[in-house]
PDB file of N, CA and C in Angstrom:
ATOM      1  N   UNK A   1     251.954 -11.784  43.519  1.00  0.00           N
ATOM      2  CA  UNK A   1     250.980 -11.065  44.330  1.00  0.00           C
ATOM      3  C   UNK A   1     251.621  -9.827  44.926  1.00  0.00           C
ATOM      4  N   UNK A   2     250.864  -8.767  44.998  1.00  0.00           N
ATOM      5  CA  UNK A   2     251.310  -7.477  45.490  1.00  0.00           C
ATOM      6  C   UNK A   2     251.345  -7.456  47.016  1.00  0.00           C
ATOM      7  N   UNK A   3     252.393  -6.840  47.558  1.00  0.00           N
ATOM      8  CA  UNK A   3     252.468  -6.690  49.007  1.00  0.00           C
ATOM      9  C   UNK A   3     251.458  -5.624  49.441  1.00  0.00           C
ATOM     10  N   UNK A   4     250.763  -5.889  50.539  1.00  0.00           N
ATOM     11  CA  UNK A   4     249.787  -4.917  51.026  1.00  0.00           C
ATOM     12  C   UNK A   4     250.513  -3.737  51.647  1.00  0.00           C
ATOM     13  N   UNK A   5     250.089  -2.550  51.256  1.00  0.00           N
ATOM     14  CA  UNK A   5     250.680  -1.313  51.759  1.00  0.00           C
ATOM     15  C   UNK A   5     249.622  -0.609  52.593  1.00  0.00           C
ATOM     16  N   UNK A   6     249.880  -0.477  53.880  1.00  0.00           N
ATOM     17  CA  UNK A   6     248.934   0.180  54.778  1.00  0.00           C
ATOM     18  C   UNK A   6     249.295   1.654  54.901  1.00  0.00           C
ATOM     19  N   UNK A   7     248.459   2.503  54.352  1.00  0.00           N
ATOM     20  CA  UNK A   7     248.699   3.942  54.372  1.00  0.00           C
ATOM     21  C   UNK A   7     247.873   4.594  55.475  1.00  0.00           C
ATOM     22  N   UNK A   8     248.468   5.582  56.131  1.00  0.00           N
ATOM     23  CA  UNK A   8     247.731   6.379  57.106  1.00  0.00           C
ATOM     24  C   UNK A   8     246.856   7.382  56.346  1.00  0.00           C
ATOM     25  N   UNK A   9     245.973   8.051  57.046  1.00  0.00           N
ATOM     26  CA  UNK A   9     245.111   9.058  56.419  1.00  0.00           C
ATOM     27  C   UNK A   9     245.947  10.160  55.765  1.00  0.00           C
ATOM     28  N   UNK A  10     247.001  10.609  56.436  1.00  0.00           N
ATOM     29  CA  UNK A  10     247.863  11.657  55.881  1.00  0.00           C
ATOM     30  C   UNK A  10     248.604  11.164  54.643  1.00  0.00           C
ATOM     31  N   UNK A  11     249.049   9.922  54.675  1.00  0.00           N
ATOM     32  CA  UNK A  11     249.736   9.349  53.521  1.00  0.00           C
ATOM     33  C   UNK A  11     248.779   9.215  52.333  1.00  0.00           C
ATOM     34  N   UNK A  12     247.512   8.887  52.605  1.00  0.00           N
ATOM     35  CA  UNK A  12     246.509   8.837  51.529  1.00  0.00           C
ATOM     36  C   UNK A  12     246.383  10.202  50.862  1.00  0.00           C
ATOM     37  N   UNK A  13     246.379  11.260  51.665  1.00  0.00           N
ATOM     38  CA  UNK A  13     246.276  12.618  51.109  1.00  0.00           C
ATOM     39  C   UNK A  13     247.424  12.882  50.149  1.00  0.00           C
ATOM     40  N   UNK A  14     248.621  12.510  50.540  1.00  0.00           N
ATOM     41  CA  UNK A  14     249.794  12.728  49.686  1.00  0.00           C
ATOM     42  C   UNK A  14     249.749  11.814  48.466  1.00  0.00           C
ATOM     43  N   UNK A  15     249.330  10.571  48.647  1.00  0.00           N
ATOM     44  CA  UNK A  15     249.241   9.650  47.507  1.00  0.00           C
ATOM     45  C   UNK A  15     248.272  10.181  46.454  1.00  0.00           C
ATOM     46  N   UNK A  16     247.160  10.747  46.881  1.00  0.00           N
ATOM     47  CA  UNK A  16     246.195  11.297  45.926  1.00  0.00           C
ATOM     48  C   UNK A  16     246.834  12.391  45.076  1.00  0.00           C
ATOM     49  N   UNK A  17     247.660  13.198  45.697  1.00  0.00           N
ATOM     50  CA  UNK A  17     248.377  14.254  44.966  1.00  0.00           C
ATOM     51  C   UNK A  17     249.351  13.633  43.980  1.00  0.00           C
ATOM     52  N   UNK A  18     250.107  12.648  44.428  1.00  0.00           N
ATOM     53  CA  UNK A  18     251.087  12.004  43.554  1.00  0.00           C
ATOM     54  C   UNK A  18     250.387  11.318  42.388  1.00  0.00           C
ATOM     55  N   UNK A  19     249.310  10.559  42.654  1.00  0.00           N
ATOM     56  CA  UNK A  19     248.583   9.911  41.566  1.00  0.00           C
ATOM     57  C   UNK A  19     248.083  10.936  40.542  1.00  0.00           C
ATOM     58  N   UNK A  20     247.603  12.060  41.010  1.00  0.00           N
ATOM     59  CA  UNK A  20     247.016  13.060  40.122  1.00  0.00           C
ATOM     60  C   UNK A  20     248.064  13.831  39.321  1.00  0.00           C
ATOM     61  N   UNK A  21     249.263  14.031  39.881  1.00  0.00           N
ATOM     62  CA  UNK A  21     250.214  14.943  39.258  1.00  0.00           C
ATOM     63  C   UNK A  21     251.562  14.328  38.884  1.00  0.00           C
ATOM     64  N   UNK A  22     251.751  13.044  39.145  1.00  0.00           N
ATOM     65  CA  UNK A  22     253.076  12.466  38.955  1.00  0.00           C
ATOM     66  C   UNK A  22     253.583  12.623  37.531  1.00  0.00           C
ATOM     67  N   UNK A  23     254.908  12.785  37.440  1.00  0.00           N
ATOM     68  CA  UNK A  23     255.901  12.823  38.510  1.00  0.00           C
ATOM     69  C   UNK A  23     255.836  14.153  39.259  1.00  0.00           C
ATOM     70  N   UNK A  24     256.127  14.113  40.554  1.00  0.00           N
ATOM     71  CA  UNK A  24     256.012  15.290  41.418  1.00  0.00           C
ATOM     72  C   UNK A  24     257.346  15.633  42.065  1.00  0.00           C
ATOM     73  N   UNK A  25     257.513  16.904  42.336  1.00  0.00           N
ATOM     74  CA  UNK A  25     258.614  17.358  43.172  1.00  0.00           C
ATOM     75  C   UNK A  25     258.059  17.625  44.568  1.00  0.00           C
ATOM     76  N   UNK A  26     258.937  17.782  45.526  1.00  0.00           N
ATOM     77  CA  UNK A  26     258.511  18.117  46.884  1.00  0.00           C
ATOM     78  C   UNK A  26     257.723  19.421  46.884  1.00  0.00           C
ATOM     79  N   UNK A  27     258.173  20.383  46.123  1.00  0.00           N
ATOM     80  CA  UNK A  27     257.475  21.675  46.069  1.00  0.00           C
ATOM     81  C   UNK A  27     256.051  21.502  45.554  1.00  0.00           C
ATOM     82  N   UNK A  28     255.865  20.705  44.513  1.00  0.00           N
ATOM     83  CA  UNK A  28     254.522  20.473  43.978  1.00  0.00           C
ATOM     84  C   UNK A  28     253.626  19.848  45.040  1.00  0.00           C
ATOM     85  N   UNK A  29     254.151  18.868  45.750  1.00  0.00           N
ATOM     86  CA  UNK A  29     253.369  18.191  46.787  1.00  0.00           C
ATOM     87  C   UNK A  29     253.032  19.158  47.914  1.00  0.00           C
ATOM     88  N   UNK A  30     254.023  19.924  48.376  1.00  0.00           N
ATOM     89  CA  UNK A  30     253.795  20.889  49.463  1.00  0.00           C
ATOM     90  C   UNK A  30     252.788  21.967  49.052  1.00  0.00           C
ATOM     91  N   UNK A  31     252.904  22.459  47.815  1.00  0.00           N
ATOM     92  CA  UNK A  31     251.966  23.479  47.336  1.00  0.00           C
ATOM     93  C   UNK A  31     250.536  22.942  47.335  1.00  0.00           C
ATOM     94  N   UNK A  32     250.368  21.728  46.866  1.00  0.00           N
ATOM     95  CA  UNK A  32     249.026  21.142  46.784  1.00  0.00           C
ATOM     96  C   UNK A  32     248.475  20.817  48.173  1.00  0.00           C
ATOM     97  N   UNK A  33     249.293  20.204  49.008  1.00  0.00           N
ATOM     98  CA  UNK A  33     248.835  19.824  50.345  1.00  0.00           C
ATOM     99  C   UNK A  33     248.568  21.077  51.192  1.00  0.00           C
ATOM    100  N   UNK A  34     249.268  22.152  50.885  1.00  0.00           N
ATOM    101  CA  UNK A  34     249.096  23.406  51.612  1.00  0.00           C
ATOM    102  C   UNK A  34     247.726  24.039  51.406  1.00  0.00           C
ATOM    103  N   UNK A  35     247.012  23.602  50.381  1.00  0.00           N
ATOM    104  CA  UNK A  35     245.668  24.126  50.126  1.00  0.00           C
ATOM    105  C   UNK A  35     244.665  23.656  51.174  1.00  0.00           C
ATOM    106  N   UNK A  36     244.955  22.510  51.822  1.00  0.00           N
ATOM    107  CA  UNK A  36     244.004  21.954  52.780  1.00  0.00           C
ATOM    108  C   UNK A  36     244.601  21.659  54.153  1.00  0.00           C
ATOM    109  N   UNK A  37     245.923  21.673  54.258  1.00  0.00           N
ATOM    110  CA  UNK A  37     246.580  21.348  55.530  1.00  0.00           C
ATOM    111  C   UNK A  37     247.665  22.376  55.833  1.00  0.00           C
ATOM    112  N   UNK A  38     248.029  22.466  57.095  1.00  0.00           N
ATOM    113  CA  UNK A  38     249.104  23.379  57.486  1.00  0.00           C
ATOM    114  C   UNK A  38     250.371  22.604  57.857  1.00  0.00           C
ATOM    115  N   UNK A  39     250.622  21.517  57.121  1.00  0.00           N
ATOM    116  CA  UNK A  39     251.804  20.713  57.391  1.00  0.00           C
ATOM    117  C   UNK A  39     253.055  21.468  56.963  1.00  0.00           C
ATOM    118  N   UNK A  40     254.103  21.321  57.752  1.00  0.00           N
ATOM    119  CA  UNK A  40     255.379  21.924  57.386  1.00  0.00           C
ATOM    120  C   UNK A  40     256.031  21.096  56.278  1.00  0.00           C
ATOM    121  N   UNK A  41     257.012  21.691  55.640  1.00  0.00           N
ATOM    122  CA  UNK A  41     257.788  20.984  54.611  1.00  0.00           C
ATOM    123  C   UNK A  41     258.416  19.734  55.215  1.00  0.00           C
ATOM    124  N   UNK A  42     258.912  19.866  56.449  1.00  0.00           N
ATOM    125  CA  UNK A  42     259.556  18.732  57.120  1.00  0.00           C
ATOM    126  C   UNK A  42     258.560  17.611  57.426  1.00  0.00           C
ATOM    127  N   UNK A  43     257.330  17.958  57.741  1.00  0.00           N
ATOM    128  CA  UNK A  43     256.306  16.933  57.971  1.00  0.00           C
ATOM    129  C   UNK A  43     256.036  16.165  56.680  1.00  0.00           C
ATOM    130  N   UNK A  44     255.935  16.882  55.556  1.00  0.00           N
ATOM    131  CA  UNK A  44     255.700  16.234  54.267  1.00  0.00           C
ATOM    132  C   UNK A  44     256.871  15.317  53.927  1.00  0.00           C
ATOM    133  N   UNK A  45     258.093  15.779  54.162  1.00  0.00           N
ATOM    134  CA  UNK A  45     259.278  14.942  53.909  1.00  0.00           C
ATOM    135  C   UNK A  45     259.218  13.677  54.759  1.00  0.00           C
ATOM    136  N   UNK A  46     258.816  13.817  56.005  1.00  0.00           N
ATOM    137  CA  UNK A  46     258.693  12.661  56.899  1.00  0.00           C
ATOM    138  C   UNK A  46     257.668  11.664  56.366  1.00  0.00           C
ATOM    139  N   UNK A  47     256.514  12.161  55.919  1.00  0.00           N
ATOM    140  CA  UNK A  47     255.496  11.285  55.331  1.00  0.00           C
ATOM    141  C   UNK A  47     256.054  10.574  54.100  1.00  0.00           C
ATOM    142  N   UNK A  48     256.742  11.320  53.247  1.00  0.00           N
ATOM    143  CA  UNK A  48     257.288  10.745  52.015  1.00  0.00           C
ATOM    144  C   UNK A  48     258.320   9.659  52.315  1.00  0.00           C
ATOM    145  N   UNK A  49     259.152   9.876  53.313  1.00  0.00           N
ATOM    146  CA  UNK A  49     260.148   8.853  53.683  1.00  0.00           C
ATOM    147  C   UNK A  49     259.457   7.574  54.150  1.00  0.00           C
ATOM    148  N   UNK A  50     258.420   7.728  54.975  1.00  0.00           N
ATOM    149  CA  UNK A  50     257.674   6.541  55.438  1.00  0.00           C
ATOM    150  C   UNK A  50     256.997   5.832  54.273  1.00  0.00           C
ATOM    151  N   UNK A  51     256.441   6.608  53.369  1.00  0.00           N
ATOM    152  CA  UNK A  51     255.762   6.031  52.219  1.00  0.00           C
ATOM    153  C   UNK A  51     256.748   5.280  51.321  1.00  0.00           C
ATOM    154  N   UNK A  52     257.944   5.810  51.195  1.00  0.00           N
ATOM    155  CA  UNK A  52     258.975   5.127  50.412  1.00  0.00           C
ATOM    156  C   UNK A  52     259.375   3.819  51.095  1.00  0.00           C
ATOM    157  N   UNK A  53     259.542   3.854  52.408  1.00  0.00           N
ATOM    158  CA  UNK A  53     259.938   2.628  53.123  1.00  0.00           C
ATOM    159  C   UNK A  53     258.840   1.567  53.077  1.00  0.00           C
ATOM    160  N   UNK A  54     257.589   1.993  52.947  1.00  0.00           N
ATOM    161  CA  UNK A  54     256.468   1.053  52.825  1.00  0.00           C
ATOM    162  C   UNK A  54     256.347   0.497  51.411  1.00  0.00           C
ATOM    163  N   UNK A  55     257.042   1.118  50.467  1.00  0.00           N
ATOM    164  CA  UNK A  55     256.953   0.680  49.081  1.00  0.00           C
ATOM    165  C   UNK A  55     255.814   1.322  48.314  1.00  0.00           C
ATOM    166  N   UNK A  56     255.257   2.404  48.836  1.00  0.00           N
ATOM    167  CA  UNK A  56     254.125   3.066  48.183  1.00  0.00           C
ATOM    168  C   UNK A  56     254.569   4.013  47.074  1.00  0.00           C
ATOM    169  N   UNK A  57     255.773   4.562  47.204  1.00  0.00           N
ATOM    170  CA  UNK A  57     256.276   5.512  46.214  1.00  0.00           C
ATOM    171  C   UNK A  57     257.709   5.176  45.822  1.00  0.00           C
ATOM    172  N   UNK A  58     258.084   5.684  44.648  1.00  0.00           N
ATOM    173  CA  UNK A  58     259.467   5.633  44.189  1.00  0.00           C
ATOM    174  C   UNK A  58     260.031   7.036  44.290  1.00  0.00           C
ATOM    175  N   UNK A  59     261.295   7.136  44.662  1.00  0.00           N
ATOM    176  CA  UNK A  59     261.965   8.429  44.726  1.00  0.00           C
ATOM    177  C   UNK A  59     263.181   8.370  43.817  1.00  0.00           C
ATOM    178  N   UNK A  60     263.239   9.322  42.891  1.00  0.00           N
ATOM    179  CA  UNK A  60     264.358   9.402  41.968  1.00  0.00           C
ATOM    180  C   UNK A  60     265.201  10.621  42.335  1.00  0.00           C
ATOM    181  N   UNK A  61     266.481  10.396  42.532  1.00  0.00           N
ATOM    182  CA  UNK A  61     267.402  11.480  42.856  1.00  0.00           C
ATOM    183  C   UNK A  61     267.770  12.194  41.561  1.00  0.00           C
ATOM    184  N   UNK A  62     267.030  13.236  41.212  1.00  0.00           N
ATOM    185  CA  UNK A  62     267.285  14.007  39.995  1.00  0.00           C
ATOM    186  C   UNK A  62     267.731  15.396  40.407  1.00  0.00           C
ATOM    187  N   UNK A  63     269.039  15.611  40.439  1.00  0.00           N
ATOM    188  CA  UNK A  63     269.557  16.913  40.892  1.00  0.00           C
ATOM    189  C   UNK A  63     268.897  18.044  40.126  1.00  0.00           C
ATOM    190  N   UNK A  64     268.503  19.100  40.752  1.00  0.00           N
ATOM    191  CA  UNK A  64     268.682  19.425  42.161  1.00  0.00           C
ATOM    192  C   UNK A  64     267.516  18.994  43.040  1.00  0.00           C
ATOM    193  N   UNK A  65     266.536  18.300  42.477  1.00  0.00           N
ATOM    194  CA  UNK A  65     265.360  17.911  43.255  1.00  0.00           C
ATOM    195  C   UNK A  65     265.150  16.403  43.192  1.00  0.00           C
ATOM    196  N   UNK A  66     264.311  15.919  44.092  1.00  0.00           N
ATOM    197  CA  UNK A  66     263.880  14.529  44.044  1.00  0.00           C
ATOM    198  C   UNK A  66     262.551  14.478  43.292  1.00  0.00           C
ATOM    199  N   UNK A  67     262.353  13.373  42.579  1.00  0.00           N
ATOM    200  CA  UNK A  67     261.122  13.173  41.824  1.00  0.00           C
ATOM    201  C   UNK A  67     260.369  12.009  42.470  1.00  0.00           C
ATOM    202  N   UNK A  68     259.085  12.239  42.767  1.00  0.00           N
ATOM    203  CA  UNK A  68     258.249  11.240  43.433  1.00  0.00           C
ATOM    204  C   UNK A  68     257.202  10.702  42.465  1.00  0.00           C
ATOM    205  N   UNK A  69     257.109   9.376  42.403  1.00  0.00           N
ATOM    206  CA  UNK A  69     256.074   8.715  41.607  1.00  0.00           C
ATOM    207  C   UNK A  69     255.469   7.586  42.439  1.00  0.00           C
ATOM    208  N   UNK A  70     254.269   7.203  42.076  1.00  0.00           N
ATOM    209  CA  UNK A  70     253.593   6.122  42.790  1.00  0.00           C
ATOM    210  C   UNK A  70     254.201   4.782  42.412  1.00  0.00           C
ATOM    211  N   UNK A  71     254.372   3.922  43.398  1.00  0.00           N
ATOM    212  CA  UNK A  71     254.855   2.562  43.171  1.00  0.00           C
ATOM    213  C   UNK A  71     253.692   1.586  43.146  1.00  0.00           C
ATOM    214  N   UNK A  72     252.516   2.085  43.464  1.00  0.00           N
ATOM    215  CA  UNK A  72     251.310   1.266  43.491  1.00  0.00           C
ATOM    216  C   UNK A  72     250.215   2.036  42.764  1.00  0.00           C
ATOM    217  N   UNK A  73     249.445   1.323  41.968  1.00  0.00           N
ATOM    218  CA  UNK A  73     248.344   1.969  41.251  1.00  0.00           C
ATOM    219  C   UNK A  73     247.238   2.337  42.232  1.00  0.00           C
ATOM    220  N   UNK A  74     246.554   3.415  41.925  1.00  0.00           N
ATOM    221  CA  UNK A  74     245.488   3.889  42.806  1.00  0.00           C
ATOM    222  C   UNK A  74     244.418   2.813  42.990  1.00  0.00           C
ATOM    223  N   UNK A  75     244.032   2.153  41.928  1.00  0.00           N
ATOM    224  CA  UNK A  75     242.995   1.115  42.015  1.00  0.00           C
ATOM    225  C   UNK A  75     243.431  -0.026  42.941  1.00  0.00           C
ATOM    226  N   UNK A  76     244.692  -0.410  42.863  1.00  0.00           N
ATOM    227  CA  UNK A  76     245.219  -1.473  43.718  1.00  0.00           C
ATOM    228  C   UNK A  76     245.191  -1.047  45.179  1.00  0.00           C
ATOM    229  N   UNK A  77     245.605   0.189  45.449  1.00  0.00           N
ATOM    230  CA  UNK A  77     245.606   0.693  46.826  1.00  0.00           C
ATOM    231  C   UNK A  77     244.191   0.764  47.386  1.00  0.00           C
ATOM    232  N   UNK A  78     243.255   1.213  46.568  1.00  0.00           N
ATOM    233  CA  UNK A  78     241.856   1.293  47.011  1.00  0.00           C
ATOM    234  C   UNK A  78     241.319  -0.099  47.296  1.00  0.00           C
ATOM    235  N   UNK A  79     241.610  -1.039  46.402  1.00  0.00           N
ATOM    236  CA  UNK A  79     241.136  -2.415  46.588  1.00  0.00           C
ATOM    237  C   UNK A  79     241.702  -2.996  47.888  1.00  0.00           C
ATOM    238  N   UNK A  80     242.991  -2.759  48.163  1.00  0.00           N
ATOM    239  CA  UNK A  80     243.603  -3.259  49.395  1.00  0.00           C
ATOM    240  C   UNK A  80     242.960  -2.624  50.626  1.00  0.00           C
ATOM    241  N   UNK A  81     242.774  -1.317  50.573  1.00  0.00           N
ATOM    242  CA  UNK A  81     242.198  -0.596  51.715  1.00  0.00           C
ATOM    243  C   UNK A  81     240.760  -1.043  51.970  1.00  0.00           C
ATOM    244  N   UNK A  82     239.992  -1.175  50.913  1.00  0.00           N
ATOM    245  CA  UNK A  82     238.607  -1.614  51.062  1.00  0.00           C
ATOM    246  C   UNK A  82     238.544  -3.043  51.592  1.00  0.00           C
ATOM    247  N   UNK A  83     239.402  -3.911  51.063  1.00  0.00           N
ATOM    248  CA  UNK A  83     239.444  -5.299  51.542  1.00  0.00           C
ATOM    249  C   UNK A  83     239.803  -5.372  53.013  1.00  0.00           C
ATOM    250  N   UNK A  84     240.757  -4.554  53.429  1.00  0.00           N
ATOM    251  CA  UNK A  84     241.165  -4.512  54.828  1.00  0.00           C
ATOM    252  C   UNK A  84     240.023  -4.015  55.716  1.00  0.00           C
ATOM    253  N   UNK A  85     239.344  -2.963  55.274  1.00  0.00           N
ATOM    254  CA  UNK A  85     238.205  -2.424  56.032  1.00  0.00           C
ATOM    255  C   UNK A  85     237.069  -3.427  56.077  1.00  0.00           C
ATOM    256  N   UNK A  86     236.799  -4.061  54.957  1.00  0.00           N
ATOM    257  CA  UNK A  86     235.734  -5.059  54.898  1.00  0.00           C
ATOM    258  C   UNK A  86     236.001  -6.194  55.888  1.00  0.00           C
ATOM    259  N   UNK A  87     237.234  -6.665  55.925  1.00  0.00           N
ATOM    260  CA  UNK A  87     237.602  -7.762  56.846  1.00  0.00           C
ATOM    261  C   UNK A  87     237.574  -7.302  58.295  1.00  0.00           C
ATOM    262  N   UNK A  88     238.166  -6.156  58.567  1.00  0.00           N
ATOM    263  CA  UNK A  88     238.336  -5.674  59.930  1.00  0.00           C
ATOM    264  C   UNK A  88     237.030  -5.183  60.559  1.00  0.00           C
ATOM    265  N   UNK A  89     236.212  -4.483  59.777  1.00  0.00           N
ATOM    266  CA  UNK A  89     235.034  -3.818  60.327  1.00  0.00           C
ATOM    267  C   UNK A  89     233.742  -4.595  60.068  1.00  0.00           C
ATOM    268  N   UNK A  90     233.656  -5.231  58.915  1.00  0.00           N
ATOM    269  CA  UNK A  90     232.391  -5.860  58.505  1.00  0.00           C
ATOM    270  C   UNK A  90     232.486  -7.382  58.382  1.00  0.00           C
ATOM    271  N   UNK A  91     233.461  -7.988  59.048  1.00  0.00           N
ATOM    272  CA  UNK A  91     233.602  -9.453  59.053  1.00  0.00           C
ATOM    273  C   UNK A  91     233.563 -10.058  57.649  1.00  0.00           C
ATOM    274  N   UNK A  92     234.216  -9.392  56.702  1.00  0.00           N
ATOM    275  CA  UNK A  92     234.276  -9.849  55.303  1.00  0.00           C
ATOM    276  C   UNK A  92     232.900  -9.966  54.653  1.00  0.00           C
ATOM    277  N   UNK A  93     231.939  -9.194  55.119  1.00  0.00           N
ATOM    278  CA  UNK A  93     230.583  -9.260  54.578  1.00  0.00           C
ATOM    279  C   UNK A  93     230.238  -7.986  53.800  1.00  0.00           C
ATOM    280  N   UNK A  94     230.270  -8.057  52.466  1.00  0.00           N
ATOM    281  CA  UNK A  94     229.870  -6.890  51.680  1.00  0.00           C
ATOM    282  C   UNK A  94     228.417  -6.496  51.948  1.00  0.00           C
ATOM    283  N   UNK A  95     227.566  -7.485  52.213  1.00  0.00           N
ATOM    284  CA  UNK A  95     226.161  -7.200  52.504  1.00  0.00           C
ATOM    285  C   UNK A  95     226.048  -6.347  53.768  1.00  0.00           C
ATOM    286  N   UNK A  96     226.820  -6.690  54.791  1.00  0.00           N
ATOM    287  CA  UNK A  96     226.793  -5.926  56.035  1.00  0.00           C
ATOM    288  C   UNK A  96     227.262  -4.487  55.779  1.00  0.00           C
ATOM    289  N   UNK A  97     228.286  -4.329  54.948  1.00  0.00           N
ATOM    290  CA  UNK A  97     228.796  -3.003  54.651  1.00  0.00           C
ATOM    291  C   UNK A  97     227.763  -2.182  53.885  1.00  0.00           C
ATOM    292  N   UNK A  98     227.183  -2.755  52.849  1.00  0.00           N
ATOM    293  CA  UNK A  98     226.181  -2.041  52.053  1.00  0.00           C
ATOM    294  C   UNK A  98     224.963  -1.703  52.905  1.00  0.00           C
ATOM    295  N   UNK A  99     224.547  -2.625  53.752  1.00  0.00           N
ATOM    296  CA  UNK A  99     223.427  -2.377  54.651  1.00  0.00           C
ATOM    297  C   UNK A  99     223.717  -1.191  55.564  1.00  0.00           C
ATOM    298  N   UNK A 100     224.927  -1.156  56.106  1.00  0.00           N
ATOM    299  CA  UNK A 100     225.313  -0.045  56.974  1.00  0.00           C
ATOM    300  C   UNK A 100     225.271   1.270  56.200  1.00  0.00           C
ATOM    301  N   UNK A 101     225.846   1.266  55.010  1.00  0.00           N
ATOM    302  CA  UNK A 101     225.864   2.491  54.204  1.00  0.00           C
ATOM    303  C   UNK A 101     224.447   2.944  53.856  1.00  0.00           C
ATOM    304  N   UNK A 102     223.594   2.006  53.490  1.00  0.00           N
ATOM    305  CA  UNK A 102     222.219   2.344  53.123  1.00  0.00           C
ATOM    306  C   UNK A 102     221.457   2.944  54.300  1.00  0.00           C
ATOM    307  N   UNK A 103     221.707   2.432  55.496  1.00  0.00           N
ATOM    308  CA  UNK A 103     220.995   2.916  56.676  1.00  0.00           C
ATOM    309  C   UNK A 103     221.551   4.229  57.208  1.00  0.00           C
ATOM    310  N   UNK A 104     222.818   4.513  56.963  1.00  0.00           N
ATOM    311  CA  UNK A 104     223.446   5.681  57.585  1.00  0.00           C
ATOM    312  C   UNK A 104     223.604   6.875  56.653  1.00  0.00           C
ATOM    313  N   UNK A 105     223.355   6.697  55.379  1.00  0.00           N
ATOM    314  CA  UNK A 105     223.522   7.801  54.432  1.00  0.00           C
ATOM    315  C   UNK A 105     222.249   8.047  53.661  1.00  0.00           C
ATOM    316  N   UNK A 106     222.076   9.294  53.267  1.00  0.00           N
ATOM    317  CA  UNK A 106     220.940   9.595  52.396  1.00  0.00           C
ATOM    318  C   UNK A 106     221.489   9.717  50.973  1.00  0.00           C
ATOM    319  N   UNK A 107     221.014   8.839  50.110  1.00  0.00           N
ATOM    320  CA  UNK A 107     221.454   8.830  48.728  1.00  0.00           C
ATOM    321  C   UNK A 107     220.387   9.462  47.860  1.00  0.00           C
ATOM    322  N   UNK A 108     220.819  10.129  46.804  1.00  0.00           N
ATOM    323  CA  UNK A 108     219.861  10.674  45.839  1.00  0.00           C
ATOM    324  C   UNK A 108     219.338   9.524  44.985  1.00  0.00           C
ATOM    325  N   UNK A 109     218.218   9.777  44.314  1.00  0.00           N
ATOM    326  CA  UNK A 109     217.655   8.760  43.413  1.00  0.00           C
ATOM    327  C   UNK A 109     218.680   8.386  42.347  1.00  0.00           C
ATOM    328  N   UNK A 110     219.387   9.377  41.840  1.00  0.00           N
ATOM    329  CA  UNK A 110     220.385   9.129  40.795  1.00  0.00           C
ATOM    330  C   UNK A 110     221.510   8.231  41.317  1.00  0.00           C
ATOM    331  N   UNK A 111     221.971   8.488  42.532  1.00  0.00           N
ATOM    332  CA  UNK A 111     223.022   7.654  43.121  1.00  0.00           C
ATOM    333  C   UNK A 111     222.542   6.215  43.315  1.00  0.00           C
ATOM    334  N   UNK A 112     221.309   6.063  43.767  1.00  0.00           N
ATOM    335  CA  UNK A 112     220.740   4.718  43.954  1.00  0.00           C
ATOM    336  C   UNK A 112     220.654   3.996  42.609  1.00  0.00           C
ATOM    337  N   UNK A 113     220.193   4.700  41.580  1.00  0.00           N
ATOM    338  CA  UNK A 113     220.108   4.100  40.245  1.00  0.00           C
ATOM    339  C   UNK A 113     221.496   3.701  39.735  1.00  0.00           C
ATOM    340  N   UNK A 114     222.486   4.549  39.971  1.00  0.00           N
ATOM    341  CA  UNK A 114     223.856   4.232  39.541  1.00  0.00           C
ATOM    342  C   UNK A 114     224.378   3.002  40.276  1.00  0.00           C
ATOM    343  N   UNK A 115     224.112   2.919  41.580  1.00  0.00           N
ATOM    344  CA  UNK A 115     224.572   1.761  42.355  1.00  0.00           C
ATOM    345  C   UNK A 115     223.895   0.476  41.880  1.00  0.00           C
ATOM    346  N   UNK A 116     222.613   0.550  41.595  1.00  0.00           N
ATOM    347  CA  UNK A 116     221.899  -0.632  41.097  1.00  0.00           C
ATOM    348  C   UNK A 116     222.488  -1.066  39.757  1.00  0.00           C
ATOM    349  N   UNK A 117     222.763  -0.103  38.879  1.00  0.00           N
ATOM    350  CA  UNK A 117     223.349  -0.435  37.580  1.00  0.00           C
ATOM    351  C   UNK A 117     224.727  -1.070  37.755  1.00  0.00           C
ATOM    352  N   UNK A 118     225.515  -0.559  38.673  1.00  0.00           N
ATOM    353  CA  UNK A 118     226.842  -1.121  38.929  1.00  0.00           C
ATOM    354  C   UNK A 118     226.714  -2.545  39.440  1.00  0.00           C
ATOM    355  N   UNK A 119     225.790  -2.765  40.366  1.00  0.00           N
ATOM    356  CA  UNK A 119     225.597  -4.109  40.916  1.00  0.00           C
ATOM    357  C   UNK A 119     225.101  -5.088  39.848  1.00  0.00           C
ATOM    358  N   UNK A 120     224.234  -4.616  38.960  1.00  0.00           N
ATOM    359  CA  UNK A 120     223.698  -5.489  37.912  1.00  0.00           C
ATOM    360  C   UNK A 120     224.723  -5.772  36.823  1.00  0.00           C
ATOM    361  N   UNK A 121     225.435  -4.728  36.397  1.00  0.00           N
ATOM    362  CA  UNK A 121     226.295  -4.828  35.230  1.00  0.00           C
ATOM    363  C   UNK A 121     227.788  -4.844  35.552  1.00  0.00           C
ATOM    364  N   UNK A 122     228.137  -4.404  36.752  1.00  0.00           N
ATOM    365  CA  UNK A 122     229.557  -4.245  37.073  1.00  0.00           C
ATOM    366  C   UNK A 122     230.149  -3.078  36.314  1.00  0.00           C
ATOM    367  N   UNK A 123     229.310  -2.162  35.815  1.00  0.00           N
ATOM    368  CA  UNK A 123     229.751  -1.037  35.021  1.00  0.00           C
ATOM    369  C   UNK A 123     229.952   0.176  35.905  1.00  0.00           C
ATOM    370  N   UNK A 124     231.195   0.672  35.947  1.00  0.00           N
ATOM    371  CA  UNK A 124     231.513   1.848  36.755  1.00  0.00           C
ATOM    372  C   UNK A 124     231.717   3.082  35.882  1.00  0.00           C
ATOM    373  N   UNK A 125     231.367   3.020  34.608  1.00  0.00           N
ATOM    374  CA  UNK A 125     231.683   4.105  33.692  1.00  0.00           C
ATOM    375  C   UNK A 125     231.035   5.435  34.073  1.00  0.00           C
ATOM    376  N   UNK A 126     229.879   5.414  34.709  1.00  0.00           N
ATOM    377  CA  UNK A 126     229.228   6.662  35.125  1.00  0.00           C
ATOM    378  C   UNK A 126     229.962   7.335  36.263  1.00  0.00           C
ATOM    379  N   UNK A 127     230.763   6.563  37.001  1.00  0.00           N
ATOM    380  CA  UNK A 127     231.463   7.083  38.179  1.00  0.00           C
ATOM    381  C   UNK A 127     232.735   7.824  37.821  1.00  0.00           C
ATOM    382  N   UNK A 128     233.243   7.628  36.650  1.00  0.00           N
ATOM    383  CA  UNK A 128     234.535   8.193  36.262  1.00  0.00           C
ATOM    384  C   UNK A 128     234.365   9.536  35.603  1.00  0.00           C
TER     385      UNK A 128
END
């Protein structure tokens, strides 16, 4: 069984970059994160060190740079995060979560049809 890795919102941002571009260098991560955040290079390094200590990423010492790769698959991380949110916020009730989402968001007809198809068939192919 996989150890649960609890990522902060900032760590999720960096993980998304790593999943999309791995293997990554610090420069690649900083360049990408710089498009949406004003984090310093040192802040990114701090996030990466925490993520490594949590077991979320692997760091390879490849002179002259370090190479960062994900130690956890994106699907696994999402499943863990959703399970944690479901337990913590919705008392482990998917019905309560879906009810909340249905009442608080406006979905297009197409989105509703896609969700119904997913619920009926378990098919997520339209989402990818």
